[in-house]
Amino acid sequence: MAVAITQIGGPFGSIIVRDTDCNNSATTIANPTTGSIIQIAIDNPNTTAVYYKMADTGSPVVGTTAADLVVRARAASVAGQHVRTTVQFGFQEMPFSTGFSSWCVTTAAEAGNTSPSLKVSASYTIGG
C-alpha cells in the first residue's frame, strides 16, 4: 500500500489522502482525528465493480467493522483501463470524530474482505 498525505494551506486547511494500492488492508488516518470528508475519487482498472468502504474508526477489522459509507466504483470495460468514480459532498460532508479508515474490496457486504485483482487507486479530501 502506498499512501501519500498532502496538506493544503489557506483558510480551509484541507488534506488530500491518496492510496495508490487500495485493498483489503485498511488505511487509517489518525491525524486529524476530526473533520469531514469533502470528496472521494476512485480509479478502478478491474473488469468488475469494487467497493470502497470508509469508517469513523482508527482501528477497523476488514470484514467485521461496519462501514459508515460504501461507494461502488464501476468496472472497466477492458482490464487495466481506469474508470473514475467521484463523489462530492458539497455542504453535506461526511463527518468523522475518532480517526478515519478506508479499504477496498470486491463485495458490498460487511463481511467482504477480498482484495481487487488489479490495484485500485483512491483519494479523498478532508476539510476542517
Protein backbone atom coordinates (compact mmCIF):
# COMPACT_ATOMS: atom_id res chain seq x y z
CA MET A 1 0.00 0.00 0.00
CA ALA A 2 1.34 3.41 -0.96
CA VAL A 3 -0.34 6.27 0.87
CA ALA A 4 0.52 9.95 0.41
CA ILE A 5 -0.91 12.75 2.54
CA THR A 6 -0.80 16.32 1.24
CA GLN A 7 -1.67 19.31 3.42
CA ILE A 8 -3.16 22.28 1.57
CA GLY A 9 -2.80 25.67 3.25
CA GLY A 10 -5.26 28.52 3.15
CA PRO A 11 -8.40 29.33 5.09
CA PHE A 12 -9.92 25.85 4.77
CA GLY A 13 -6.85 23.78 5.70
CA SER A 14 -7.69 20.75 3.57
CA ILE A 15 -5.79 17.47 3.47
CA ILE A 16 -5.71 15.13 0.46
CA VAL A 17 -5.10 11.44 1.13
CA ARG A 18 -4.16 9.26 -1.87
CA ASP A 19 -3.81 5.48 -1.70
CA THR A 20 -2.37 4.01 -4.93
CA ASP A 21 -2.98 0.40 -3.85
CA CYS A 22 -6.31 0.39 -2.06
CA ASN A 23 -7.13 -3.16 -0.99
CA ASN A 24 -8.44 -5.22 1.93
CA SER A 25 -5.80 -3.78 4.26
CA ALA A 26 -7.32 -0.69 5.88
CA THR A 27 -5.58 2.67 5.66
CA THR A 28 -6.04 4.69 8.85
CA ILE A 29 -5.60 8.44 9.15
CA ALA A 30 -5.24 9.29 12.84
CA ASN A 31 -4.37 12.97 12.43
CA PRO A 32 -6.55 14.91 12.20
CA THR A 33 -8.86 12.85 14.38
CA THR A 34 -11.83 15.02 13.45
CA GLY A 35 -13.03 16.68 10.26
CA SER A 36 -15.21 15.97 7.27
CA ILE A 37 -14.74 14.13 4.01
CA ILE A 38 -15.46 16.57 1.18
CA GLN A 39 -14.69 14.46 -1.91
CA ILE A 40 -13.81 10.88 -2.86
CA ALA A 41 -12.28 9.72 -6.17
CA ILE A 42 -11.75 6.05 -7.04
CA ASP A 43 -9.90 4.76 -10.13
CA ASN A 44 -10.86 1.14 -10.83
CA PRO A 45 -8.94 -0.81 -13.51
CA ASN A 46 -10.78 -4.09 -12.76
CA THR A 47 -13.46 -5.56 -15.04
CA THR A 48 -15.70 -5.99 -12.00
CA ALA A 49 -17.04 -3.32 -9.68
CA VAL A 50 -15.18 -2.73 -6.42
CA TYR A 51 -16.47 -1.29 -3.14
CA TYR A 52 -14.60 1.49 -1.39
CA LYS A 53 -15.51 1.49 2.29
CA MET A 54 -14.95 4.22 4.86
CA ALA A 55 -15.39 4.11 8.64
CA ASP A 56 -15.17 6.58 11.51
CA THR A 57 -12.68 4.48 13.45
CA GLY A 58 -8.95 4.30 13.94
CA SER A 59 -8.85 0.51 14.21
CA PRO A 60 -11.16 -1.29 11.76
CA VAL A 61 -11.26 -5.03 11.17
CA VAL A 62 -11.93 -5.55 7.46
CA GLY A 63 -14.80 -7.98 7.04
CA THR A 64 -16.15 -7.22 10.52
CA THR A 65 -16.23 -3.43 11.03
CA ALA A 66 -19.37 -1.82 9.64
CA ALA A 67 -18.54 0.91 7.12
CA ASP A 68 -20.14 4.32 7.56
CA LEU A 69 -20.05 4.78 3.78
CA VAL A 70 -19.74 2.32 0.88
CA VAL A 71 -19.08 3.63 -2.64
CA ARG A 72 -19.50 1.29 -5.61
CA ALA A 73 -16.78 2.03 -8.17
CA ARG A 74 -17.92 0.86 -11.58
CA ALA A 75 -15.97 -1.66 -13.60
CA ALA A 76 -13.64 -1.02 -16.54
CA SER A 77 -14.76 -2.49 -19.86
CA VAL A 78 -11.16 -3.58 -20.56
CA ALA A 79 -8.81 -4.72 -17.78
CA GLY A 80 -6.26 -2.05 -16.99
CA GLN A 81 -8.35 0.87 -18.28
CA HIS A 82 -9.11 3.03 -15.27
CA VAL A 83 -12.69 4.12 -14.71
CA ARG A 84 -13.08 7.01 -12.27
CA THR A 85 -15.95 7.26 -9.81
CA THR A 86 -16.19 10.57 -7.96
CA VAL A 87 -18.40 11.57 -5.03
CA GLN A 88 -18.58 15.21 -3.90
CA PHE A 89 -20.37 16.01 -0.67
CA GLY A 90 -20.71 19.81 -1.01
CA PHE A 91 -22.35 21.18 2.11
CA GLN A 92 -23.33 17.72 3.37
CA GLU A 93 -19.83 16.48 4.19
CA MET A 94 -19.28 13.14 5.88
CA PRO A 95 -18.01 13.99 9.40
CA PHE A 96 -15.67 11.83 11.44
CA SER A 97 -14.59 12.15 15.05
CA THR A 98 -12.33 9.23 16.06
CA GLY A 99 -9.85 8.96 13.19
CA PHE A 100 -10.66 7.67 9.76
CA SER A 101 -10.14 4.39 7.90
CA SER A 102 -10.76 3.20 4.35
CA TRP A 103 -10.34 -0.03 2.35
CA CYS A 104 -11.40 -1.55 -0.97
CA VAL A 105 -12.93 -5.00 -1.52
CA THR A 106 -14.87 -6.90 -4.17
CA THR A 107 -18.24 -7.17 -2.38
CA ALA A 108 -20.55 -4.65 -0.75
CA ALA A 109 -21.46 -6.94 2.15
CA GLU A 110 -19.97 -6.08 5.53
CA ALA A 111 -18.24 -9.49 5.61
CA GLY A 112 -16.50 -8.77 2.28
CA ASN A 113 -12.74 -8.98 2.69
CA THR A 114 -11.34 -9.94 -0.75
CA SER A 115 -8.92 -7.52 -2.43
CA PRO A 116 -9.50 -6.46 -6.05
CA SER A 117 -7.30 -8.26 -8.61
CA LEU A 118 -5.72 -5.08 -10.02
CA LYS A 119 -4.54 -2.10 -7.96
CA VAL A 120 -7.31 0.40 -7.24
CA SER A 121 -6.29 3.99 -6.61
CA ALA A 122 -8.44 6.06 -4.25
CA SER A 123 -8.20 9.54 -2.84
CA TYR A 124 -10.27 11.70 -0.58
CA THR A 125 -10.18 15.27 0.65
CA ILE A 126 -10.60 16.15 4.33
CA GLY A 127 -11.77 19.58 5.39
CA GLY A 128 -11.64 21.00 8.89
